[in-house]
Amino acid sequence: MTEETSKENIQINHQTLKSALTSALDYCKLGRYDYVLTANDIPKIQKQLERALKKHSQEPQTHTDVVANCVSGFANALVQDSFTECFKSGNRVSYNNTPFLYFAYTIGVLIRYCVLLPVRAVIFFANLLFFAFLIVGILIVCPIDCYWRKRVLLFLFNLTCKGMCLSYSTVTRIHGEVPKHKSGRIFVGNHTSTMDFAVLCQITPFSVIAQRHPGFMGFVQNTVCKAVDPVYFDRKDAKDKKKVAQLLKDRTFDKTAQCPLLVFPEGVCTNNKFSVQFKKGAFDLGAEVCPIAIKYSESSNCMYQNSKKMGFLRYLISLWTQWALIADVWFMPAVQIIEGEAAEDFAHRVQLMISKQAGLTPRQWDGMLKYVQISQKMIDEQKESYARQLGLIERQIDDENFSASMTGSAQ
């Protein structure tokens, strides 16, 4: 801060800081929520923030201003929620309420639920049980060093995934050539549903690193997916994370592996409109990264798997009652980390590549916040913030201390 501003104290509340930040970042705003910044912009932003803070703090606030600030804060929290919109489920396409269209819609519902649903369910479970029996049988009977064992398992797994996609009438449009599998190469993609894995594996078999699931999903993981030797982990176990990180590296550089490893670095499913922060685990291995972009058509709005609202079987029913699922899959050339580039920056660069190709809006939220419960401490802090705006609590922050903290953050 300058000497003039350091001589006086500035009373900072939530709204003052928010207004100052908005003013300081206005020149580099891109779109509704996103900003384009470089390292050279930080000193400029700091100076603009200092001026904006001083300007906003000197403006007297009437009772009307305070109430308006509180109301605008509530409205912004509802309207400009750039996190939860990444996980909102889509609605089925609605029709005009005319007699003819209503009659056609009723016929469509009868066909989808009375014909397609039972037929597709039979195809799905018959396909799954048949190949699960074959795969488990080969794993038990054939020795590990058998030459054709792995080839047959991959072939059966590929057929299983094709049968799954057939059960919900998936039309897959492939763009680009599939990069060849080799040691030191890993595939990453955006994540909309558990069925992303089946859609990709019907093209070519992939191994996968995934969260371990109970129930029906656990049955699939412990039978069919064993054909590709997957890596499972438990998010709640910190020791398991370290073990999986080492397994991920070993598997990526394993010269004997017969299928590539696929990672969904977001860690959660998004709603086919956004992408959230890519975790750096797959990007700090020193391996080549092959991005895969997956985009489902607007008519396939039930493809998003909202695990907080529905279980896996209910999700399958929503897929079986769609007319068809149309998926576009783009295989992009392999990229590597640039010298001096941090793993987080590399992950963000790949996220932007995938988002641009698939027409997704990138967000830098940690997707795991989806499962975080709001603590009482956060609620109390928000109450205190509004109490300061109403003048019930007075708190002054020295300008010099604020400048020091800003300088430390910039460094």
Protein backbone atom coordinates (compact mmCIF):
# COMPACT_ATOMS: atom_id res chain seq x y z
CA MET A 1 0.00 0.00 0.00
CA THR A 2 1.11 3.61 -0.44
CA GLU A 3 2.11 5.82 2.50
CA GLU A 4 -1.06 7.89 2.22
CA THR A 5 -3.38 4.94 2.50
CA SER A 6 -1.32 3.23 5.21
CA LYS A 7 -1.83 6.17 7.57
CA GLU A 8 -5.56 5.58 7.84
CA ASN A 9 -7.71 2.64 8.75
CA ILE A 10 -10.31 1.38 6.30
CA GLN A 11 -13.39 -0.34 7.60
CA ILE A 12 -13.91 -3.40 5.41
CA ASN A 13 -17.06 -5.46 5.35
CA HIS A 14 -18.16 -8.26 3.07
CA GLN A 15 -19.93 -6.02 0.57
CA THR A 16 -17.07 -3.49 0.43
CA LEU A 17 -14.53 -6.19 -0.33
CA LYS A 18 -16.80 -7.80 -2.91
CA SER A 19 -17.44 -4.49 -4.69
CA ALA A 20 -13.73 -3.66 -4.67
CA LEU A 21 -12.76 -7.04 -6.10
CA THR A 22 -15.41 -6.73 -8.80
CA SER A 23 -14.07 -3.31 -9.80
CA ALA A 24 -10.46 -4.49 -9.78
CA LEU A 25 -11.15 -7.57 -11.90
CA ASP A 26 -13.59 -5.95 -14.30
CA TYR A 27 -11.05 -5.31 -17.06
CA CYS A 28 -10.01 -8.99 -17.28
CA LYS A 29 -13.48 -10.54 -17.09
CA LEU A 30 -14.34 -13.14 -19.72
CA GLY A 31 -17.96 -14.23 -19.86
CA ARG A 32 -20.22 -14.41 -16.82
CA TYR A 33 -17.94 -15.98 -14.22
CA ASP A 34 -14.51 -16.55 -15.79
CA TYR A 35 -11.44 -14.33 -15.80
CA VAL A 36 -8.25 -14.37 -17.89
CA LEU A 37 -5.21 -13.53 -15.78
CA THR A 38 -1.45 -13.67 -16.19
CA ALA A 39 1.36 -13.18 -13.70
CA ASN A 40 1.88 -9.62 -15.00
CA ASP A 41 -1.70 -8.71 -14.08
CA ILE A 42 -1.24 -9.27 -10.33
CA PRO A 43 0.53 -5.94 -9.51
CA LYS A 44 -2.02 -4.05 -11.61
CA ILE A 45 -4.93 -5.78 -9.90
CA GLN A 46 -3.41 -5.05 -6.47
CA LYS A 47 -3.20 -1.32 -7.21
CA GLN A 48 -6.74 -1.23 -8.56
CA LEU A 49 -7.97 -3.12 -5.52
CA GLU A 50 -6.31 -0.59 -3.19
CA ARG A 51 -7.99 2.32 -4.98
CA ALA A 52 -11.35 0.55 -5.06
CA LEU A 53 -11.18 -0.33 -1.35
CA LYS A 54 -10.41 3.24 -0.40
CA LYS A 55 -13.18 4.58 -2.64
CA HIS A 56 -15.84 2.14 -1.41
CA SER A 57 -14.88 2.54 2.25
CA GLN A 58 -15.27 6.33 2.11
CA GLU A 59 -18.78 6.15 0.70
CA PRO A 60 -21.36 6.54 3.51
CA GLN A 61 -23.98 3.81 3.68
CA THR A 62 -27.57 4.58 4.49
CA HIS A 63 -30.00 2.03 5.92
CA THR A 64 -31.37 1.59 2.39
CA ASP A 65 -27.87 0.78 1.09
CA VAL A 66 -27.32 -1.80 3.80
CA VAL A 67 -30.64 -3.52 3.08
CA ALA A 68 -29.95 -3.39 -0.67
CA ASN A 69 -26.52 -4.97 -0.16
CA CYS A 70 -27.99 -7.78 1.91
CA VAL A 71 -30.74 -8.45 -0.63
CA SER A 72 -28.29 -8.36 -3.55
CA GLY A 73 -26.09 -10.83 -1.69
CA PHE A 74 -29.00 -13.21 -1.31
CA ALA A 75 -29.94 -12.78 -4.99
CA ASN A 76 -26.38 -13.38 -6.19
CA ALA A 77 -26.17 -16.53 -4.11
CA LEU A 78 -29.29 -17.83 -5.86
CA VAL A 79 -28.69 -16.58 -9.41
CA GLN A 80 -24.91 -16.70 -9.81
CA ASP A 81 -24.21 -20.08 -8.27
CA SER A 82 -21.50 -21.31 -10.60
CA PHE A 83 -20.97 -24.51 -8.59
CA THR A 84 -24.34 -26.20 -8.16
CA GLU A 85 -25.29 -25.49 -11.79
CA CYS A 86 -22.60 -28.00 -12.76
CA PHE A 87 -24.66 -30.75 -11.12
CA LYS A 88 -28.25 -29.81 -11.95
CA SER A 89 -30.19 -32.59 -13.65
CA GLY A 90 -31.79 -31.86 -17.00
CA ASN A 91 -35.51 -32.15 -17.65
CA ARG A 92 -37.15 -34.25 -20.31
CA VAL A 93 -38.13 -32.42 -23.47
CA SER A 94 -41.64 -31.00 -23.03
CA TYR A 95 -44.33 -30.90 -25.70
CA ASN A 96 -47.07 -28.44 -26.51
CA ASN A 97 -50.28 -29.39 -24.77
CA THR A 98 -52.36 -29.90 -27.90
CA PRO A 99 -54.71 -32.89 -28.35
CA PHE A 100 -52.72 -34.38 -31.22
CA LEU A 101 -49.31 -34.03 -29.57
CA TYR A 102 -50.67 -35.25 -26.24
CA PHE A 103 -52.00 -38.36 -27.96
CA ALA A 104 -48.64 -38.94 -29.69
CA TYR A 105 -46.80 -38.40 -26.41
CA THR A 106 -49.05 -40.93 -24.64
CA ILE A 107 -48.35 -43.52 -27.34
CA GLY A 108 -44.63 -42.81 -26.97
CA VAL A 109 -44.78 -43.32 -23.20
CA LEU A 110 -46.54 -46.67 -23.65
CA ILE A 111 -43.94 -47.83 -26.17
CA ARG A 112 -41.00 -46.70 -24.05
CA TYR A 113 -42.22 -48.15 -20.75
CA CYS A 114 -44.17 -51.22 -21.94
CA VAL A 115 -41.97 -52.35 -24.85
CA LEU A 116 -38.50 -50.80 -24.78
CA LEU A 117 -38.01 -50.96 -21.01
CA PRO A 118 -38.53 -54.74 -20.55
CA VAL A 119 -36.71 -55.64 -23.78
CA ARG A 120 -33.70 -53.49 -22.95
CA ALA A 121 -33.61 -54.69 -19.34
CA VAL A 122 -33.54 -58.32 -20.52
CA ILE A 123 -30.75 -57.54 -23.00
CA PHE A 124 -28.73 -55.72 -20.34
CA PHE A 125 -28.94 -58.35 -17.59
CA ALA A 126 -28.63 -61.34 -19.95
CA ASN A 127 -25.54 -59.78 -21.53
CA LEU A 128 -24.04 -58.89 -18.15
CA LEU A 129 -24.65 -62.26 -16.47
CA PHE A 130 -23.51 -64.29 -19.48
CA PHE A 131 -20.19 -62.49 -19.91
CA ALA A 132 -19.65 -62.20 -16.14
CA PHE A 133 -19.89 -66.01 -15.97
CA LEU A 134 -17.41 -66.42 -18.86
CA ILE A 135 -14.93 -63.85 -17.52
CA VAL A 136 -14.92 -65.22 -13.97
CA GLY A 137 -14.60 -68.75 -15.35
CA ILE A 138 -11.54 -67.84 -17.42
CA LEU A 139 -9.98 -66.01 -14.46
CA ILE A 140 -10.39 -69.13 -12.31
CA VAL A 141 -9.49 -71.85 -14.82
CA CYS A 142 -6.74 -70.31 -16.96
CA PRO A 143 -3.29 -69.73 -15.43
CA ILE A 144 -1.98 -66.18 -15.30
CA ASP A 145 0.91 -66.88 -17.68
CA CYS A 146 -1.38 -68.31 -20.37
CA TYR A 147 -0.70 -66.54 -23.70
CA TRP A 148 -4.30 -66.11 -24.89
CA ARG A 149 -5.85 -65.49 -21.45
CA LYS A 150 -5.60 -61.69 -21.52
CA ARG A 151 -6.58 -61.42 -25.18
CA VAL A 152 -9.75 -63.43 -24.64
CA LEU A 153 -10.63 -61.42 -21.52
CA LEU A 154 -10.28 -58.12 -23.39
CA PHE A 155 -12.37 -59.47 -26.28
CA LEU A 156 -15.14 -60.59 -23.92
CA PHE A 157 -15.03 -57.30 -22.03
CA ASN A 158 -15.36 -55.36 -25.29
CA LEU A 159 -18.42 -57.46 -26.22
CA THR A 160 -19.91 -56.86 -22.76
CA CYS A 161 -19.64 -53.09 -23.18
CA LYS A 162 -21.15 -53.29 -26.66
CA GLY A 163 -24.06 -55.24 -25.21
CA MET A 164 -24.56 -52.62 -22.49
CA CYS A 165 -24.61 -49.82 -25.05
CA LEU A 166 -26.99 -51.85 -27.22
CA SER A 167 -29.39 -52.16 -24.28
CA TYR A 168 -30.00 -48.39 -24.27
CA SER A 169 -29.62 -47.85 -28.03
CA THR A 170 -26.41 -45.86 -27.95
CA VAL A 171 -25.25 -44.22 -31.16
CA THR A 172 -21.56 -43.33 -30.84
CA ARG A 173 -19.93 -40.92 -33.28
CA ILE A 174 -16.15 -41.22 -33.12
CA HIS A 175 -13.96 -38.27 -34.10
CA GLY A 176 -10.22 -38.67 -34.61
CA GLU A 177 -7.99 -41.72 -34.38
CA VAL A 178 -7.60 -43.68 -31.17
CA PRO A 179 -3.99 -43.19 -29.95
CA LYS A 180 -2.10 -46.45 -29.73
CA HIS A 181 -1.45 -47.92 -26.32
CA LYS A 182 2.13 -47.86 -25.08
CA SER A 183 4.02 -47.67 -21.82
CA GLY A 184 4.11 -44.18 -20.31
CA ARG A 185 0.79 -43.07 -21.81
CA ILE A 186 -2.45 -42.42 -19.93
CA PHE A 187 -5.95 -41.44 -21.12
CA VAL A 188 -8.11 -38.82 -19.37
CA GLY A 189 -11.66 -37.67 -20.07
CA ASN A 190 -14.57 -35.64 -18.75
CA HIS A 191 -17.15 -37.50 -16.69
CA THR A 192 -20.94 -37.45 -17.06
CA SER A 193 -21.94 -40.95 -16.02
CA THR A 194 -20.70 -44.38 -15.00
CA MET A 195 -21.70 -45.41 -18.51
CA ASP A 196 -18.93 -43.21 -19.94
CA PHE A 197 -16.66 -46.16 -19.29
CA ALA A 198 -18.89 -48.55 -21.25
CA VAL A 199 -19.22 -46.07 -24.14
CA LEU A 200 -15.44 -45.79 -24.42
CA CYS A 201 -14.72 -49.49 -23.89
CA GLN A 202 -17.04 -50.50 -26.72
CA ILE A 203 -14.56 -48.66 -28.96
CA THR A 204 -11.43 -50.13 -27.40
CA PRO A 205 -10.89 -51.78 -23.99
CA PHE A 206 -9.56 -49.56 -21.20
CA SER A 207 -8.50 -50.28 -17.68
CA VAL A 208 -9.74 -47.74 -15.16
CA ILE A 209 -9.03 -46.23 -11.77
CA ALA A 210 -12.31 -45.79 -9.92
CA GLN A 211 -14.09 -45.50 -6.58
CA ARG A 212 -15.07 -48.84 -5.09
CA HIS A 213 -18.86 -49.26 -4.92
CA PRO A 214 -21.18 -51.59 -2.99
CA GLY A 215 -24.33 -53.31 -4.24
CA PHE A 216 -25.01 -53.93 -7.91
CA MET A 217 -22.15 -51.69 -9.02
CA GLY A 218 -19.86 -53.68 -6.75
CA PHE A 219 -20.98 -56.89 -8.47
CA VAL A 220 -20.05 -55.44 -11.87
CA GLN A 221 -16.68 -54.27 -10.56
CA ASN A 222 -15.87 -57.65 -9.03
CA THR A 223 -16.84 -59.71 -12.09
CA VAL A 224 -16.86 -58.10 -15.53
CA CYS A 225 -14.37 -55.31 -14.81
CA LYS A 226 -11.77 -57.78 -13.53
CA ALA A 227 -11.04 -58.54 -17.18
CA VAL A 228 -9.16 -55.25 -17.51
CA ASP A 229 -7.40 -55.37 -14.12
CA PRO A 230 -8.82 -52.09 -12.73
CA VAL A 231 -7.48 -50.06 -9.81
CA TYR A 232 -10.04 -49.31 -7.10
CA PHE A 233 -9.77 -46.94 -4.16
CA ASP A 234 -11.78 -45.63 -1.22
CA ARG A 235 -11.97 -41.83 -0.93
CA LYS A 236 -12.44 -42.03 2.83
CA ASP A 237 -9.18 -43.91 3.41
CA ALA A 238 -6.12 -41.62 3.36
CA LYS A 239 -3.70 -44.57 3.35
CA ASP A 240 -5.50 -46.03 0.36
CA LYS A 241 -4.91 -42.81 -1.60
CA LYS A 242 -1.13 -43.08 -1.23
CA LYS A 243 -1.21 -46.71 -2.27
CA VAL A 244 -3.36 -45.97 -5.31
CA ALA A 245 -1.06 -43.10 -6.35
CA GLN A 246 1.83 -45.55 -6.54
CA LEU A 247 -0.31 -48.15 -8.34
CA LEU A 248 -1.35 -45.49 -10.84
CA LYS A 249 2.27 -44.70 -11.65
CA ASP A 250 3.29 -48.37 -11.84
CA ARG A 251 0.37 -49.20 -14.09
CA THR A 252 1.02 -46.28 -16.44
CA PHE A 253 4.62 -47.37 -17.06
CA ASP A 254 3.92 -51.13 -17.04
CA LYS A 255 5.26 -52.52 -20.32
CA THR A 256 3.31 -55.78 -19.92
CA ALA A 257 -0.13 -54.10 -19.69
CA GLN A 258 -2.27 -54.96 -22.72
CA CYS A 259 -4.80 -52.14 -22.42
CA PRO A 260 -4.39 -48.42 -21.63
CA LEU A 261 -5.39 -46.85 -18.33
CA LEU A 262 -8.33 -44.43 -18.30
CA VAL A 263 -8.76 -41.77 -15.60
CA PHE A 264 -11.64 -39.37 -14.99
CA PRO A 265 -9.70 -36.59 -13.18
CA GLU A 266 -12.81 -34.64 -12.16
CA GLY A 267 -13.64 -37.38 -9.65
CA VAL A 268 -17.39 -36.71 -9.94
CA CYS A 269 -20.05 -36.70 -12.65
CA THR A 270 -21.09 -33.36 -14.14
CA ASN A 271 -24.24 -32.60 -16.10
CA ASN A 272 -22.90 -32.63 -19.68
CA LYS A 273 -22.75 -28.82 -19.75
CA PHE A 274 -19.80 -28.05 -17.48
CA SER A 275 -16.46 -29.47 -16.47
CA VAL A 276 -14.99 -29.05 -12.99
CA GLN A 277 -11.42 -29.00 -11.74
CA PHE A 278 -9.14 -31.78 -12.97
CA LYS A 279 -7.16 -33.32 -10.10
CA LYS A 280 -3.41 -33.40 -10.66
CA GLY A 281 -2.90 -37.11 -9.86
CA ALA A 282 -2.76 -38.22 -13.49
CA PHE A 283 -0.72 -35.20 -14.58
CA ASP A 284 2.36 -35.35 -12.33
CA LEU A 285 3.52 -38.81 -13.45
CA GLY A 286 5.73 -37.58 -16.28
CA ALA A 287 3.59 -39.54 -18.75
CA GLU A 288 1.97 -38.61 -22.04
CA VAL A 289 -1.67 -37.64 -21.56
CA CYS A 290 -4.26 -38.46 -24.24
CA PRO A 291 -7.38 -36.30 -23.77
CA ILE A 292 -10.81 -37.75 -24.58
CA ALA A 293 -13.84 -35.47 -24.86
CA ILE A 294 -17.32 -36.97 -24.44
CA LYS A 295 -20.49 -35.05 -25.23
CA TYR A 296 -24.05 -36.38 -25.25
CA SER A 297 -26.77 -34.82 -27.37
CA GLU A 298 -29.42 -32.57 -25.85
CA SER A 299 -32.00 -35.32 -26.39
CA SER A 300 -29.93 -37.54 -24.06
CA ASN A 301 -30.53 -35.31 -21.04
CA CYS A 302 -31.00 -38.31 -18.72
CA MET A 303 -27.42 -39.43 -19.31
CA TYR A 304 -26.18 -37.40 -16.34
CA GLN A 305 -25.94 -39.62 -13.27
CA ASN A 306 -26.85 -37.60 -10.20
CA SER A 307 -25.77 -40.07 -7.52
CA LYS A 308 -27.19 -37.86 -4.75
CA LYS A 309 -30.74 -38.24 -6.09
CA MET A 310 -30.92 -41.70 -7.63
CA GLY A 311 -29.33 -45.12 -7.31
CA PHE A 312 -27.72 -47.03 -10.16
CA LEU A 313 -30.71 -49.23 -11.02
CA ARG A 314 -33.08 -46.26 -11.12
CA TYR A 315 -30.57 -44.49 -13.33
CA LEU A 316 -30.53 -47.48 -15.70
CA ILE A 317 -34.33 -47.35 -15.94
CA SER A 318 -34.13 -43.69 -16.98
CA LEU A 319 -31.72 -44.71 -19.76
CA TRP A 320 -33.84 -47.63 -20.94
CA THR A 321 -36.89 -45.39 -21.30
CA GLN A 322 -35.11 -42.97 -23.66
CA TRP A 323 -35.58 -43.41 -27.39
CA ALA A 324 -31.83 -43.38 -27.99
CA LEU A 325 -28.58 -42.02 -26.57
CA ILE A 326 -26.32 -40.14 -28.96
CA ALA A 327 -22.71 -39.65 -27.90
CA ASP A 328 -19.85 -37.83 -29.61
CA VAL A 329 -16.36 -38.98 -28.63
CA TRP A 330 -13.26 -37.03 -29.64
CA PHE A 331 -9.81 -38.65 -29.34
CA MET A 332 -7.19 -35.91 -29.26
CA PRO A 333 -3.42 -36.17 -29.80
CA ALA A 334 -1.22 -36.90 -26.80
CA VAL A 335 0.17 -33.92 -24.88
CA GLN A 336 2.99 -33.64 -22.36
CA ILE A 337 3.81 -31.35 -19.50
CA ILE A 338 5.91 -28.37 -20.52
CA GLU A 339 9.22 -27.70 -18.81
CA GLY A 340 8.59 -25.53 -15.77
CA GLU A 341 4.83 -26.15 -15.88
CA ALA A 342 3.19 -27.22 -12.61
CA ALA A 343 1.03 -30.34 -12.56
CA GLU A 344 -2.01 -28.22 -11.62
CA ASP A 345 -1.46 -25.96 -14.65
CA PHE A 346 -1.02 -28.97 -16.92
CA ALA A 347 -4.28 -30.44 -15.61
CA HIS A 348 -6.07 -27.14 -16.20
CA ARG A 349 -4.67 -26.93 -19.73
CA VAL A 350 -6.00 -30.39 -20.56
CA GLN A 351 -9.35 -29.50 -18.98
CA LEU A 352 -9.63 -26.47 -21.27
CA MET A 353 -8.75 -28.61 -24.31
CA ILE A 354 -11.48 -31.12 -23.51
CA SER A 355 -14.03 -28.43 -22.62
CA LYS A 356 -13.41 -26.52 -25.83
CA GLN A 357 -13.73 -29.65 -27.97
CA ALA A 358 -16.91 -30.88 -26.27
CA GLY A 359 -18.52 -27.45 -25.91
CA LEU A 360 -18.43 -27.54 -22.10
CA THR A 361 -18.05 -24.55 -19.78
CA PRO A 362 -14.95 -25.00 -17.58
CA ARG A 363 -15.15 -24.35 -13.86
CA GLN A 364 -12.32 -24.44 -11.34
CA TRP A 365 -14.42 -25.79 -8.48
CA ASP A 366 -13.29 -28.94 -6.71
CA GLY A 367 -15.99 -31.43 -7.63
CA MET A 368 -15.77 -33.15 -4.24
CA LEU A 369 -17.41 -30.08 -2.68
CA LYS A 370 -20.60 -31.65 -3.99
CA TYR A 371 -20.48 -34.06 -1.05
CA VAL A 372 -19.40 -31.53 1.61
CA GLN A 373 -21.94 -30.58 4.26
CA ILE A 374 -21.98 -26.90 5.27
CA SER A 375 -20.55 -26.61 8.76
CA GLN A 376 -22.04 -24.51 11.54
CA LYS A 377 -18.83 -22.46 11.55
CA MET A 378 -19.42 -21.30 7.97
CA ILE A 379 -23.02 -20.39 8.82
CA ASP A 380 -21.87 -18.38 11.86
CA GLU A 381 -19.25 -16.55 9.76
CA GLN A 382 -21.90 -15.56 7.23
CA LYS A 383 -24.16 -14.31 10.03
CA GLU A 384 -21.29 -12.27 11.42
CA SER A 385 -20.62 -10.78 7.99
CA TYR A 386 -24.20 -9.52 7.66
CA ALA A 387 -24.16 -8.31 11.27
CA ARG A 388 -21.18 -6.10 10.40
CA GLN A 389 -23.06 -4.65 7.43
CA LEU A 390 -25.98 -3.79 9.70
CA GLY A 391 -23.62 -2.06 12.12
CA LEU A 392 -24.21 -4.52 14.94
CA ILE A 393 -20.51 -5.49 14.91
CA GLU A 394 -17.67 -3.09 14.19
CA ARG A 395 -14.37 -4.36 12.98
CA GLN A 396 -11.53 -2.31 11.51
CA ILE A 397 -8.63 -3.77 9.60
CA ASP A 398 -5.44 -1.75 9.35
CA ASP A 399 -4.61 -0.88 5.74
CA GLU A 400 -0.94 -1.74 6.17
CA ASN A 401 -1.72 -5.22 7.52
CA PHE A 402 -4.20 -5.77 4.69
CA SER A 403 -1.55 -4.73 2.15
CA ALA A 404 0.97 -7.13 3.68
CA SER A 405 -1.49 -10.00 3.49
CA MET A 406 -2.32 -9.14 -0.13
CA THR A 407 1.38 -8.99 -1.02
CA GLY A 408 1.95 -12.37 0.63
CA SER A 409 -0.96 -13.87 -1.30
CA ALA A 410 0.34 -12.45 -4.58
CA GLN A 411 3.74 -13.98 -3.96
